[in-house]
């Protein structure tokens, strides 16, 4: 019986990775005088934006973060909706009393912007952002479980990266690989041995419908 679901944000709830790339690219061009490609930027991920900017702009990291968040808001105009089917899936889970949370590597500022722009903030009883020091998803997932008072076996973790799958496995929750974002490497996700791999949101929804009892009239 599924009683809780923990979702990643970028590439899972919405196609927000291009928003991150655009915002970082603008700040780096201004601050470092360099134009970085998407892969170069993604290779920096692990720490939150706060950690990345503190390393690359150590003398003015706070101002650089403010610039990043301004650029992030502007770029988010190109990603005003979650992936098709995400809202309906969250509504389905909410209607069946399933607890919902976000655990993301993003910093709290950009996570808040994305929740607001995508219109998803009201669904989640817990939101855990990333850390400037690096990946902390397993610890964040354990905090969510403690807040809910639920055993790991009753919770699923949905994410689009191998690190999401490994984090869920480490914590003991069911690992659900979300392979529906453009450019997601489904083979790399499958190689991590998740409990389930879904290449479209609709497939996740159908599995949830089979896993959760129907509402009584």
N, C-alpha and C. Protein backbone atom coordinates (compact mmCIF):
# COMPACT_ATOMS: atom_id res chain seq x y z
N UNK A 1 0.84 -1.19 0.00
CA UNK A 1 0.00 0.00 0.00
C UNK A 1 0.88 1.25 0.00
N UNK A 2 0.70 2.10 -0.97
CA UNK A 2 1.48 3.34 -1.06
C UNK A 2 0.82 4.39 -0.18
N UNK A 3 1.57 4.90 0.78
CA UNK A 3 1.04 5.93 1.67
C UNK A 3 1.77 7.26 1.53
N UNK A 4 2.89 7.25 0.82
CA UNK A 4 3.65 8.49 0.62
C UNK A 4 4.41 8.44 -0.69
N UNK A 5 4.60 9.59 -1.31
CA UNK A 5 5.36 9.68 -2.57
C UNK A 5 6.28 10.90 -2.50
N UNK A 6 7.57 10.67 -2.72
CA UNK A 6 8.58 11.73 -2.72
C UNK A 6 9.03 11.96 -4.15
N UNK A 7 8.90 13.18 -4.63
CA UNK A 7 9.24 13.52 -6.01
C UNK A 7 10.48 14.41 -6.07
N UNK A 8 11.34 14.12 -7.04
CA UNK A 8 12.34 15.08 -7.48
C UNK A 8 11.61 16.20 -8.21
N UNK A 9 12.31 17.31 -8.49
CA UNK A 9 11.66 18.43 -9.18
C UNK A 9 12.14 18.55 -10.62
N UNK A 10 13.41 18.94 -10.83
CA UNK A 10 13.91 19.16 -12.19
C UNK A 10 13.84 17.87 -13.00
N UNK A 11 13.16 17.92 -14.15
CA UNK A 11 13.09 16.76 -15.03
C UNK A 11 12.11 15.71 -14.60
N UNK A 12 11.44 15.92 -13.47
CA UNK A 12 10.46 14.96 -12.96
C UNK A 12 9.08 15.59 -12.93
N UNK A 13 8.95 16.71 -12.25
CA UNK A 13 7.68 17.43 -12.22
C UNK A 13 7.53 18.37 -13.41
N UNK A 14 8.63 18.94 -13.87
CA UNK A 14 8.58 19.87 -14.99
C UNK A 14 9.90 19.87 -15.73
N UNK A 15 9.87 20.40 -16.94
CA UNK A 15 11.07 20.43 -17.78
C UNK A 15 11.89 21.68 -17.43
N UNK A 16 12.39 21.70 -16.21
CA UNK A 16 13.03 22.89 -15.66
C UNK A 16 14.55 22.90 -15.81
N UNK A 17 15.15 21.81 -16.26
CA UNK A 17 16.60 21.84 -16.45
C UNK A 17 17.03 22.93 -17.44
N UNK A 18 16.33 23.11 -18.57
CA UNK A 18 16.72 24.21 -19.46
C UNK A 18 16.64 25.58 -18.79
N UNK A 19 15.75 25.73 -17.83
CA UNK A 19 15.65 26.99 -17.08
C UNK A 19 16.91 27.18 -16.24
N UNK A 20 17.36 26.12 -15.59
CA UNK A 20 18.60 26.19 -14.81
C UNK A 20 19.77 26.55 -15.70
N UNK A 21 19.88 25.88 -16.85
CA UNK A 21 21.01 26.13 -17.74
C UNK A 21 21.02 27.58 -18.22
N UNK A 22 19.86 28.10 -18.59
CA UNK A 22 19.79 29.47 -19.09
C UNK A 22 20.20 30.47 -18.02
N UNK A 23 19.73 30.25 -16.79
CA UNK A 23 20.06 31.18 -15.71
C UNK A 23 21.55 31.13 -15.37
N UNK A 24 22.10 29.94 -15.26
CA UNK A 24 23.54 29.83 -14.98
C UNK A 24 24.36 30.43 -16.11
N UNK A 25 23.97 30.15 -17.34
CA UNK A 25 24.73 30.65 -18.48
C UNK A 25 24.81 32.18 -18.46
N UNK A 26 23.68 32.81 -18.13
CA UNK A 26 23.65 34.27 -18.08
C UNK A 26 24.57 34.81 -16.99
N UNK A 27 24.52 34.21 -15.81
CA UNK A 27 25.34 34.67 -14.70
C UNK A 27 26.83 34.43 -14.98
N UNK A 28 27.15 33.26 -15.52
CA UNK A 28 28.55 32.96 -15.80
C UNK A 28 29.11 33.87 -16.89
N UNK A 29 28.31 34.19 -17.90
CA UNK A 29 28.78 35.09 -18.95
C UNK A 29 29.09 36.46 -18.37
N UNK A 30 28.23 36.90 -17.44
CA UNK A 30 28.41 38.22 -16.84
C UNK A 30 29.56 38.22 -15.83
N UNK A 31 29.62 37.19 -15.02
CA UNK A 31 30.58 37.17 -13.92
C UNK A 31 31.95 36.62 -14.30
N UNK A 32 31.96 35.63 -15.21
CA UNK A 32 33.21 34.95 -15.54
C UNK A 32 33.70 35.28 -16.94
N UNK A 33 32.83 35.92 -17.73
CA UNK A 33 33.21 36.21 -19.11
C UNK A 33 33.32 34.98 -19.97
N UNK A 34 32.56 33.93 -19.60
CA UNK A 34 32.61 32.66 -20.34
C UNK A 34 31.19 32.21 -20.65
N UNK A 35 31.02 31.57 -21.81
CA UNK A 35 29.73 30.98 -22.17
C UNK A 35 29.86 29.46 -22.06
N UNK A 36 29.12 28.89 -21.13
CA UNK A 36 29.22 27.45 -20.86
C UNK A 36 28.05 26.71 -21.49
N UNK A 37 28.33 25.50 -21.97
CA UNK A 37 27.29 24.65 -22.53
C UNK A 37 26.52 23.93 -21.44
N UNK A 38 25.40 23.31 -21.84
CA UNK A 38 24.55 22.62 -20.88
C UNK A 38 25.31 21.52 -20.14
N UNK A 39 26.11 20.74 -20.86
CA UNK A 39 26.82 19.64 -20.21
C UNK A 39 27.84 20.15 -19.21
N UNK A 40 28.50 21.24 -19.54
CA UNK A 40 29.47 21.82 -18.60
C UNK A 40 28.78 22.28 -17.33
N UNK A 41 27.61 22.87 -17.49
CA UNK A 41 26.86 23.34 -16.32
C UNK A 41 26.34 22.16 -15.51
N UNK A 42 25.79 21.16 -16.20
CA UNK A 42 25.22 20.02 -15.48
C UNK A 42 26.29 19.26 -14.70
N UNK A 43 27.52 19.27 -15.21
CA UNK A 43 28.61 18.59 -14.51
C UNK A 43 28.90 19.22 -13.15
N UNK A 44 28.45 20.46 -12.94
CA UNK A 44 28.64 21.14 -11.66
C UNK A 44 27.59 20.75 -10.63
N UNK A 45 26.50 20.12 -11.08
CA UNK A 45 25.39 19.83 -10.18
C UNK A 45 25.84 18.84 -9.09
N UNK A 46 25.17 18.91 -7.99
CA UNK A 46 25.50 18.15 -6.78
C UNK A 46 25.26 19.10 -5.63
N UNK A 47 26.12 20.11 -5.50
CA UNK A 47 25.77 21.22 -4.60
C UNK A 47 24.59 22.00 -5.17
N UNK A 48 23.86 22.68 -4.31
CA UNK A 48 22.81 23.59 -4.76
C UNK A 48 23.44 24.78 -5.48
N UNK A 49 22.60 25.65 -6.03
CA UNK A 49 23.11 26.85 -6.70
C UNK A 49 23.99 27.67 -5.76
N UNK A 50 23.62 27.72 -4.49
CA UNK A 50 24.42 28.45 -3.51
C UNK A 50 25.85 27.92 -3.47
N UNK A 51 26.00 26.60 -3.48
CA UNK A 51 27.32 26.00 -3.43
C UNK A 51 28.11 26.22 -4.72
N UNK A 52 27.42 26.09 -5.86
CA UNK A 52 28.09 26.29 -7.14
C UNK A 52 28.61 27.71 -7.27
N UNK A 53 27.77 28.68 -6.92
CA UNK A 53 28.16 30.08 -7.07
C UNK A 53 29.21 30.48 -6.03
N UNK A 54 29.14 29.91 -4.84
CA UNK A 54 30.16 30.21 -3.83
C UNK A 54 31.53 29.75 -4.29
N UNK A 55 31.58 28.67 -5.05
CA UNK A 55 32.86 28.17 -5.54
C UNK A 55 33.37 28.99 -6.71
N UNK A 56 32.46 29.38 -7.61
CA UNK A 56 32.90 30.05 -8.84
C UNK A 56 32.95 31.57 -8.72
N UNK A 57 32.16 32.12 -7.81
CA UNK A 57 32.16 33.58 -7.61
C UNK A 57 32.36 33.85 -6.11
N UNK A 58 33.46 33.42 -5.54
CA UNK A 58 33.63 33.47 -4.09
C UNK A 58 33.61 34.87 -3.50
N UNK A 59 33.99 35.87 -4.26
CA UNK A 59 34.07 37.23 -3.72
C UNK A 59 32.72 37.95 -3.68
N UNK A 60 31.73 37.41 -4.40
CA UNK A 60 30.44 38.10 -4.46
C UNK A 60 29.32 37.09 -4.68
N UNK A 61 29.36 36.00 -3.92
CA UNK A 61 28.43 34.89 -4.15
C UNK A 61 26.98 35.28 -3.87
N UNK A 62 26.73 36.10 -2.86
CA UNK A 62 25.35 36.47 -2.53
C UNK A 62 24.71 37.27 -3.66
N UNK A 63 25.46 38.23 -4.21
CA UNK A 63 24.93 39.02 -5.32
C UNK A 63 24.74 38.15 -6.56
N UNK A 64 25.67 37.22 -6.78
CA UNK A 64 25.55 36.32 -7.92
C UNK A 64 24.31 35.43 -7.78
N UNK A 65 24.01 35.02 -6.55
CA UNK A 65 22.81 34.22 -6.34
C UNK A 65 21.56 35.03 -6.63
N UNK A 66 21.53 36.28 -6.21
CA UNK A 66 20.37 37.12 -6.52
C UNK A 66 20.20 37.27 -8.03
N UNK A 67 21.32 37.46 -8.73
CA UNK A 67 21.25 37.55 -10.19
C UNK A 67 20.73 36.24 -10.79
N UNK A 68 21.22 35.13 -10.25
CA UNK A 68 20.77 33.83 -10.75
C UNK A 68 19.26 33.68 -10.58
N UNK A 69 18.74 34.01 -9.42
CA UNK A 69 17.30 33.85 -9.19
C UNK A 69 16.48 34.78 -10.07
N UNK A 70 16.99 35.99 -10.32
CA UNK A 70 16.30 36.88 -11.26
C UNK A 70 16.25 36.28 -12.66
N UNK A 71 17.39 35.76 -13.10
CA UNK A 71 17.44 35.13 -14.42
C UNK A 71 16.58 33.88 -14.46
N UNK A 72 16.55 33.15 -13.37
CA UNK A 72 15.76 31.92 -13.29
C UNK A 72 14.27 32.22 -13.45
N UNK A 73 13.81 33.27 -12.77
CA UNK A 73 12.40 33.66 -12.92
C UNK A 73 12.08 34.04 -14.36
N UNK A 74 12.96 34.81 -14.97
CA UNK A 74 12.74 35.22 -16.35
C UNK A 74 12.70 34.02 -17.29
N UNK A 75 13.64 33.11 -17.14
CA UNK A 75 13.71 31.96 -18.03
C UNK A 75 12.53 31.01 -17.83
N UNK A 76 11.95 31.04 -16.63
CA UNK A 76 10.85 30.11 -16.32
C UNK A 76 9.59 30.45 -17.13
N UNK A 77 9.55 31.61 -17.77
CA UNK A 77 8.42 31.93 -18.63
C UNK A 77 8.28 30.91 -19.76
N UNK A 78 9.37 30.27 -20.12
CA UNK A 78 9.33 29.24 -21.15
C UNK A 78 8.95 27.88 -20.63
N UNK A 79 8.70 27.77 -19.34
CA UNK A 79 8.30 26.50 -18.72
C UNK A 79 7.24 26.83 -17.68
N UNK A 80 6.03 27.14 -18.15
CA UNK A 80 4.98 27.62 -17.26
C UNK A 80 4.06 26.51 -16.77
N UNK A 81 4.24 25.30 -17.27
CA UNK A 81 3.38 24.19 -16.89
C UNK A 81 4.21 22.98 -16.52
N UNK A 82 3.72 22.12 -15.63
CA UNK A 82 4.41 20.86 -15.38
C UNK A 82 4.29 19.94 -16.59
N UNK A 83 4.99 18.82 -16.55
CA UNK A 83 4.83 17.84 -17.62
C UNK A 83 3.36 17.43 -17.73
N UNK A 84 2.87 17.19 -18.94
CA UNK A 84 1.48 16.75 -19.09
C UNK A 84 1.19 15.51 -18.25
N UNK A 85 0.12 15.57 -17.49
CA UNK A 85 -0.27 14.45 -16.65
C UNK A 85 0.21 14.52 -15.23
N UNK A 86 1.19 15.40 -14.95
CA UNK A 86 1.73 15.48 -13.58
C UNK A 86 0.67 16.00 -12.62
N UNK A 87 0.02 17.09 -12.97
CA UNK A 87 -0.99 17.66 -12.06
C UNK A 87 -2.09 16.65 -11.77
N UNK A 88 -2.56 15.98 -12.80
CA UNK A 88 -3.63 14.99 -12.61
C UNK A 88 -3.16 13.82 -11.73
N UNK A 89 -1.90 13.43 -11.89
CA UNK A 89 -1.36 12.35 -11.06
C UNK A 89 -1.27 12.78 -9.60
N UNK A 90 -0.83 14.00 -9.36
CA UNK A 90 -0.77 14.50 -7.98
C UNK A 90 -2.18 14.61 -7.39
N UNK A 91 -3.14 15.06 -8.19
CA UNK A 91 -4.53 15.13 -7.71
C UNK A 91 -5.05 13.75 -7.36
N UNK A 92 -4.70 12.76 -8.18
CA UNK A 92 -5.12 11.38 -7.91
C UNK A 92 -4.55 10.90 -6.58
N UNK A 93 -3.26 11.13 -6.36
CA UNK A 93 -2.63 10.70 -5.11
C UNK A 93 -3.21 11.44 -3.91
N UNK A 94 -3.38 12.73 -4.07
CA UNK A 94 -3.93 13.54 -2.98
C UNK A 94 -5.33 13.06 -2.60
N UNK A 95 -6.15 12.73 -3.59
CA UNK A 95 -7.52 12.29 -3.32
C UNK A 95 -7.55 10.97 -2.56
N UNK A 96 -6.50 10.19 -2.68
CA UNK A 96 -6.44 8.90 -1.98
C UNK A 96 -5.65 8.99 -0.68
N UNK A 97 -5.38 10.19 -0.23
CA UNK A 97 -4.75 10.39 1.06
C UNK A 97 -3.27 10.10 1.10
N UNK A 98 -2.62 10.05 -0.06
CA UNK A 98 -1.18 9.77 -0.11
C UNK A 98 -0.42 11.06 0.21
N UNK A 99 0.51 10.99 1.16
CA UNK A 99 1.35 12.14 1.49
C UNK A 99 2.30 12.42 0.32
N UNK A 100 2.53 13.71 0.05
CA UNK A 100 3.37 14.11 -1.07
C UNK A 100 4.47 15.05 -0.60
N UNK A 101 5.67 14.85 -1.14
CA UNK A 101 6.81 15.70 -0.80
C UNK A 101 7.69 15.90 -2.02
N UNK A 102 8.47 16.97 -1.98
CA UNK A 102 9.54 17.21 -2.95
C UNK A 102 10.88 17.11 -2.21
N UNK A 103 11.80 16.35 -2.78
CA UNK A 103 13.19 16.35 -2.34
C UNK A 103 14.03 16.65 -3.56
N UNK A 104 14.70 17.78 -3.56
CA UNK A 104 15.42 18.27 -4.73
C UNK A 104 16.83 18.70 -4.37
N UNK A 105 17.70 18.67 -5.36
CA UNK A 105 19.04 19.21 -5.17
C UNK A 105 19.11 20.71 -5.37
N UNK A 106 18.00 21.32 -5.81
CA UNK A 106 17.96 22.77 -6.01
C UNK A 106 18.02 23.50 -4.68
N UNK A 107 18.45 24.74 -4.74
CA UNK A 107 18.39 25.58 -3.55
C UNK A 107 16.96 25.97 -3.24
N UNK A 108 16.69 26.47 -2.05
CA UNK A 108 15.32 26.80 -1.66
C UNK A 108 14.69 27.90 -2.50
N UNK A 109 15.49 28.87 -2.95
CA UNK A 109 14.94 29.96 -3.74
C UNK A 109 14.41 29.50 -5.08
N UNK A 110 15.22 28.77 -5.84
CA UNK A 110 14.77 28.31 -7.16
C UNK A 110 13.68 27.26 -7.04
N UNK A 111 13.74 26.43 -5.99
CA UNK A 111 12.67 25.45 -5.79
C UNK A 111 11.33 26.15 -5.57
N UNK A 112 11.36 27.23 -4.80
CA UNK A 112 10.13 27.99 -4.54
C UNK A 112 9.60 28.61 -5.83
N UNK A 113 10.50 29.17 -6.64
CA UNK A 113 10.08 29.76 -7.91
C UNK A 113 9.41 28.71 -8.79
N UNK A 114 10.01 27.54 -8.92
CA UNK A 114 9.45 26.50 -9.78
C UNK A 114 8.11 26.01 -9.26
N UNK A 115 7.99 25.81 -7.96
CA UNK A 115 6.69 25.38 -7.42
C UNK A 115 5.61 26.39 -7.73
N UNK A 116 5.95 27.67 -7.58
CA UNK A 116 4.95 28.72 -7.81
C UNK A 116 4.58 28.83 -9.29
N UNK A 117 5.59 28.85 -10.16
CA UNK A 117 5.32 29.00 -11.59
C UNK A 117 4.55 27.80 -12.13
N UNK A 118 4.93 26.60 -11.70
CA UNK A 118 4.25 25.39 -12.16
C UNK A 118 2.90 25.19 -11.50
N UNK A 119 2.62 25.96 -10.45
CA UNK A 119 1.33 25.85 -9.77
C UNK A 119 1.16 24.57 -8.98
N UNK A 120 2.25 24.05 -8.39
CA UNK A 120 2.19 22.76 -7.71
C UNK A 120 2.39 22.86 -6.21
N UNK A 121 2.63 24.06 -5.69
CA UNK A 121 3.02 24.19 -4.30
C UNK A 121 2.01 23.63 -3.32
N UNK A 122 0.73 23.72 -3.63
CA UNK A 122 -0.30 23.29 -2.69
C UNK A 122 -0.39 21.80 -2.48
N UNK A 123 0.28 21.02 -3.30
CA UNK A 123 0.17 19.57 -3.19
C UNK A 123 1.07 18.97 -2.11
N UNK A 124 2.15 19.66 -1.75
CA UNK A 124 3.23 19.01 -1.02
C UNK A 124 3.26 19.44 0.45
N UNK A 125 3.23 18.44 1.33
CA UNK A 125 3.29 18.71 2.77
C UNK A 125 4.71 18.93 3.25
N UNK A 126 5.68 18.57 2.44
CA UNK A 126 7.09 18.74 2.82
C UNK A 126 7.90 19.04 1.57
N UNK A 127 8.84 19.97 1.69
CA UNK A 127 9.77 20.30 0.61
C UNK A 127 11.16 20.38 1.21
N UNK A 128 12.07 19.56 0.70
CA UNK A 128 13.46 19.56 1.15
C UNK A 128 14.35 20.01 0.00
N UNK A 129 15.05 21.12 0.17
CA UNK A 129 15.94 21.64 -0.85
C UNK A 129 17.34 21.05 -0.69
N UNK A 130 18.20 21.35 -1.68
CA UNK A 130 19.55 20.83 -1.64
C UNK A 130 20.46 21.60 -0.71
N UNK A 131 21.71 21.17 -0.66
CA UNK A 131 22.69 21.76 0.24
C UNK A 131 23.85 22.36 -0.56
N UNK A 132 24.41 23.48 -0.11
CA UNK A 132 25.60 24.04 -0.77
C UNK A 132 26.79 23.09 -0.76
N UNK A 133 26.80 22.15 0.18
CA UNK A 133 27.95 21.27 0.31
C UNK A 133 27.88 20.04 -0.58
N UNK A 134 26.73 19.78 -1.19
CA UNK A 134 26.64 18.61 -2.06
C UNK A 134 25.37 17.82 -1.83
N UNK A 135 25.29 16.66 -2.49
CA UNK A 135 24.08 15.86 -2.46
C UNK A 135 23.72 15.37 -1.07
N UNK A 136 22.47 15.58 -0.67
CA UNK A 136 22.00 15.17 0.65
C UNK A 136 20.62 14.51 0.56
N UNK A 137 20.29 13.96 -0.60
CA UNK A 137 18.94 13.45 -0.78
C UNK A 137 18.57 12.32 0.18
N UNK A 138 19.43 11.35 0.44
CA UNK A 138 19.02 10.31 1.39
C UNK A 138 18.65 10.87 2.76
N UNK A 139 19.45 11.79 3.27
CA UNK A 139 19.14 12.39 4.57
C UNK A 139 17.84 13.17 4.51
N UNK A 140 17.61 13.88 3.39
CA UNK A 140 16.37 14.64 3.24
C UNK A 140 15.17 13.71 3.17
N UNK A 141 15.31 12.60 2.47
CA UNK A 141 14.22 11.62 2.40
C UNK A 141 13.90 11.06 3.78
N UNK A 142 14.94 10.81 4.56
CA UNK A 142 14.70 10.28 5.91
C UNK A 142 13.97 11.30 6.78
N UNK A 143 14.27 12.58 6.61
CA UNK A 143 13.55 13.61 7.35
C UNK A 143 12.07 13.63 6.97
N UNK A 144 11.80 13.46 5.69
CA UNK A 144 10.40 13.42 5.24
C UNK A 144 9.68 12.22 5.85
N UNK A 145 10.31 11.07 5.83
CA UNK A 145 9.70 9.88 6.42
C UNK A 145 9.41 10.09 7.91
N UNK A 146 10.36 10.70 8.61
CA UNK A 146 10.16 10.95 10.04
C UNK A 146 9.01 11.93 10.26
N UNK A 147 8.92 12.95 9.42
CA UNK A 147 7.82 13.91 9.55
C UNK A 147 6.48 13.23 9.32
N UNK A 148 6.41 12.35 8.35
CA UNK A 148 5.16 11.65 8.07
C UNK A 148 4.88 10.53 9.06
N UNK A 149 5.91 9.99 9.68
CA UNK A 149 5.74 8.83 10.54
C UNK A 149 5.41 7.58 9.76
N UNK A 150 5.98 7.46 8.55
CA UNK A 150 5.68 6.31 7.69
C UNK A 150 6.91 5.42 7.54
N UNK A 151 6.72 4.11 7.45
CA UNK A 151 7.85 3.22 7.19
C UNK A 151 8.28 3.33 5.75
N UNK A 152 9.57 3.11 5.45
CA UNK A 152 10.05 3.23 4.08
C UNK A 152 9.30 2.35 3.09
N UNK A 153 8.88 1.18 3.51
CA UNK A 153 8.22 0.25 2.60
C UNK A 153 6.91 0.77 2.05
N UNK A 154 6.34 1.81 2.69
CA UNK A 154 5.05 2.34 2.24
C UNK A 154 5.20 3.60 1.38
N UNK A 155 6.44 3.94 0.99
CA UNK A 155 6.71 5.20 0.29
C UNK A 155 7.45 4.91 -1.02
N UNK A 156 7.13 5.69 -2.06
CA UNK A 156 7.85 5.61 -3.32
C UNK A 156 8.65 6.89 -3.52
N UNK A 157 9.77 6.76 -4.24
CA UNK A 157 10.57 7.92 -4.61
C UNK A 157 10.66 8.01 -6.12
N UNK A 158 10.21 9.13 -6.68
CA UNK A 158 10.12 9.30 -8.14
C UNK A 158 11.15 10.33 -8.57
N UNK A 159 12.09 9.93 -9.45
CA UNK A 159 13.10 10.87 -9.91
C UNK A 159 13.68 10.48 -11.24
N UNK A 160 14.34 11.42 -11.90
CA UNK A 160 14.78 11.22 -13.28
C UNK A 160 16.27 10.94 -13.42
N UNK A 161 17.00 10.84 -12.32
CA UNK A 161 18.44 10.65 -12.44
C UNK A 161 18.88 9.40 -11.67
N UNK A 162 20.03 8.82 -12.07
CA UNK A 162 20.56 7.69 -11.30
C UNK A 162 20.73 8.00 -9.82
N UNK A 163 21.11 9.23 -9.49
CA UNK A 163 21.27 9.57 -8.07
C UNK A 163 19.94 9.52 -7.33
N UNK A 164 18.84 9.84 -8.00
CA UNK A 164 17.52 9.71 -7.37
C UNK A 164 17.21 8.25 -7.07
N UNK A 165 17.51 7.39 -8.02
CA UNK A 165 17.27 5.95 -7.83
C UNK A 165 18.13 5.43 -6.68
N UNK A 166 19.41 5.78 -6.68
CA UNK A 166 20.31 5.30 -5.63
C UNK A 166 19.91 5.84 -4.26
N UNK A 167 19.44 7.07 -4.21
CA UNK A 167 19.01 7.65 -2.93
C UNK A 167 17.81 6.88 -2.38
N UNK A 168 16.84 6.59 -3.25
CA UNK A 168 15.67 5.83 -2.80
C UNK A 168 16.09 4.44 -2.31
N UNK A 169 16.99 3.81 -3.04
CA UNK A 169 17.46 2.49 -2.63
C UNK A 169 18.17 2.53 -1.29
N UNK A 170 18.97 3.55 -1.08
CA UNK A 170 19.70 3.69 0.19
C UNK A 170 18.75 3.84 1.37
N UNK A 171 17.66 4.57 1.16
CA UNK A 171 16.71 4.84 2.24
C UNK A 171 15.74 3.67 2.44
N UNK A 172 15.57 2.85 1.39
CA UNK A 172 14.68 1.70 1.50
C UNK A 172 13.27 1.94 1.01
N UNK A 173 13.05 3.06 0.30
CA UNK A 173 11.75 3.30 -0.31
C UNK A 173 11.77 2.73 -1.73
N UNK A 174 10.61 2.52 -2.31
CA UNK A 174 10.52 1.96 -3.65
C UNK A 174 11.00 2.99 -4.66
N UNK A 175 11.93 2.58 -5.53
CA UNK A 175 12.54 3.50 -6.48
C UNK A 175 11.78 3.47 -7.80
N UNK A 176 11.29 4.65 -8.21
CA UNK A 176 10.53 4.80 -9.45
C UNK A 176 11.30 5.76 -10.35
N UNK A 177 11.81 5.25 -11.47
CA UNK A 177 12.60 6.06 -12.39
C UNK A 177 11.68 6.76 -13.37
N UNK A 178 11.78 8.09 -13.41
CA UNK A 178 10.97 8.92 -14.31
C UNK A 178 11.80 9.21 -15.55
N UNK A 179 11.48 8.54 -16.66
CA UNK A 179 12.28 8.67 -17.87
C UNK A 179 11.54 9.44 -18.95
N UNK A 180 10.70 10.40 -18.53
CA UNK A 180 9.87 11.08 -19.53
C UNK A 180 10.39 12.45 -19.96
N UNK A 181 11.38 12.99 -19.33
CA UNK A 181 11.89 14.31 -19.73
C UNK A 181 12.72 14.19 -21.01
N UNK A 182 12.70 15.21 -21.88
CA UNK A 182 13.55 15.18 -23.06
C UNK A 182 15.02 15.02 -22.66
N UNK A 183 15.70 14.12 -23.32
CA UNK A 183 17.11 13.93 -23.06
C UNK A 183 17.45 13.02 -21.90
N UNK A 184 16.43 12.53 -21.19
CA UNK A 184 16.71 11.61 -20.08
C UNK A 184 17.29 10.31 -20.61
N UNK A 185 18.32 9.82 -19.95
CA UNK A 185 18.98 8.57 -20.36
C UNK A 185 18.28 7.41 -19.67
N UNK A 186 17.28 6.85 -20.34
CA UNK A 186 16.54 5.74 -19.76
C UNK A 186 17.40 4.53 -19.49
N UNK A 187 18.41 4.30 -20.35
CA UNK A 187 19.31 3.17 -20.14
C UNK A 187 20.11 3.30 -18.86
N UNK A 188 20.61 4.52 -18.59
CA UNK A 188 21.37 4.74 -17.36
C UNK A 188 20.48 4.56 -16.13
N UNK A 189 19.23 4.98 -16.24
CA UNK A 189 18.30 4.80 -15.12
C UNK A 189 18.04 3.31 -14.89
N UNK A 190 17.77 2.58 -15.97
CA UNK A 190 17.48 1.14 -15.83
C UNK A 190 18.68 0.38 -15.28
N UNK A 191 19.90 0.85 -15.62
CA UNK A 191 21.10 0.17 -15.16
C UNK A 191 21.27 0.25 -13.65
N UNK A 192 20.60 1.23 -13.01
CA UNK A 192 20.69 1.36 -11.55
C UNK A 192 19.78 0.36 -10.82
N UNK A 193 18.95 -0.34 -11.56
CA UNK A 193 18.08 -1.34 -10.95
C UNK A 193 16.92 -0.78 -10.17
N UNK A 194 16.22 0.24 -10.70
CA UNK A 194 15.04 0.74 -9.97
C UNK A 194 13.94 -0.30 -9.93
N UNK A 195 13.03 -0.12 -9.02
CA UNK A 195 11.89 -1.04 -8.93
C UNK A 195 10.97 -0.90 -10.13
N UNK A 196 10.87 0.32 -10.66
CA UNK A 196 10.00 0.58 -11.82
C UNK A 196 10.65 1.66 -12.67
N UNK A 197 10.45 1.56 -13.99
CA UNK A 197 10.86 2.60 -14.92
C UNK A 197 9.64 2.97 -15.76
N UNK A 198 9.33 4.28 -15.82
CA UNK A 198 8.21 4.74 -16.62
C UNK A 198 8.70 5.81 -17.59
N UNK A 199 8.35 5.64 -18.87
CA UNK A 199 8.81 6.55 -19.91
C UNK A 199 7.78 7.61 -20.24
N UNK A 200 6.65 7.58 -19.58
CA UNK A 200 5.66 8.64 -19.72
C UNK A 200 4.87 8.74 -18.41
N UNK A 201 4.38 9.93 -18.12
CA UNK A 201 3.66 10.16 -16.87
C UNK A 201 2.40 9.28 -16.83
N UNK A 202 1.77 9.10 -17.99
CA UNK A 202 0.56 8.28 -18.03
C UNK A 202 0.79 6.86 -17.57
N UNK A 203 1.96 6.31 -17.85
CA UNK A 203 2.27 4.95 -17.41
C UNK A 203 2.40 4.89 -15.89
N UNK A 204 3.00 5.91 -15.30
CA UNK A 204 3.06 6.00 -13.83
C UNK A 204 1.65 6.07 -13.26
N UNK A 205 0.81 6.90 -13.86
CA UNK A 205 -0.56 7.04 -13.37
C UNK A 205 -1.31 5.71 -13.43
N UNK A 206 -1.17 4.98 -14.51
CA UNK A 206 -1.87 3.69 -14.63
C UNK A 206 -1.38 2.70 -13.58
N UNK A 207 -0.07 2.71 -13.32
CA UNK A 207 0.46 1.82 -12.27
C UNK A 207 -0.09 2.20 -10.91
N UNK A 208 -0.17 3.49 -10.63
CA UNK A 208 -0.71 3.95 -9.36
C UNK A 208 -2.18 3.56 -9.22
N UNK A 209 -2.92 3.64 -10.29
CA UNK A 209 -4.34 3.25 -10.24
C UNK A 209 -4.49 1.78 -9.89
N UNK A 210 -3.56 0.97 -10.37
CA UNK A 210 -3.60 -0.46 -10.05
C UNK A 210 -3.13 -0.73 -8.62
N UNK A 211 -2.27 0.15 -8.11
CA UNK A 211 -1.67 -0.07 -6.79
C UNK A 211 -2.50 0.48 -5.65
N UNK A 212 -3.37 1.45 -5.94
CA UNK A 212 -4.17 2.10 -4.90
C UNK A 212 -5.64 1.75 -5.05
N UNK A 213 -6.32 1.54 -3.95
CA UNK A 213 -7.74 1.18 -4.04
C UNK A 213 -8.58 2.34 -4.56
N UNK A 214 -9.68 2.01 -5.21
CA UNK A 214 -10.59 3.04 -5.70
C UNK A 214 -11.27 3.74 -4.54
N UNK A 215 -11.62 5.00 -4.74
CA UNK A 215 -12.37 5.73 -3.72
C UNK A 215 -13.77 5.15 -3.57
N UNK A 216 -14.22 5.09 -2.35
CA UNK A 216 -15.58 4.62 -2.12
C UNK A 216 -16.56 5.77 -2.28
N UNK A 217 -17.68 5.48 -2.93
CA UNK A 217 -18.68 6.52 -3.13
C UNK A 217 -19.47 6.80 -1.87
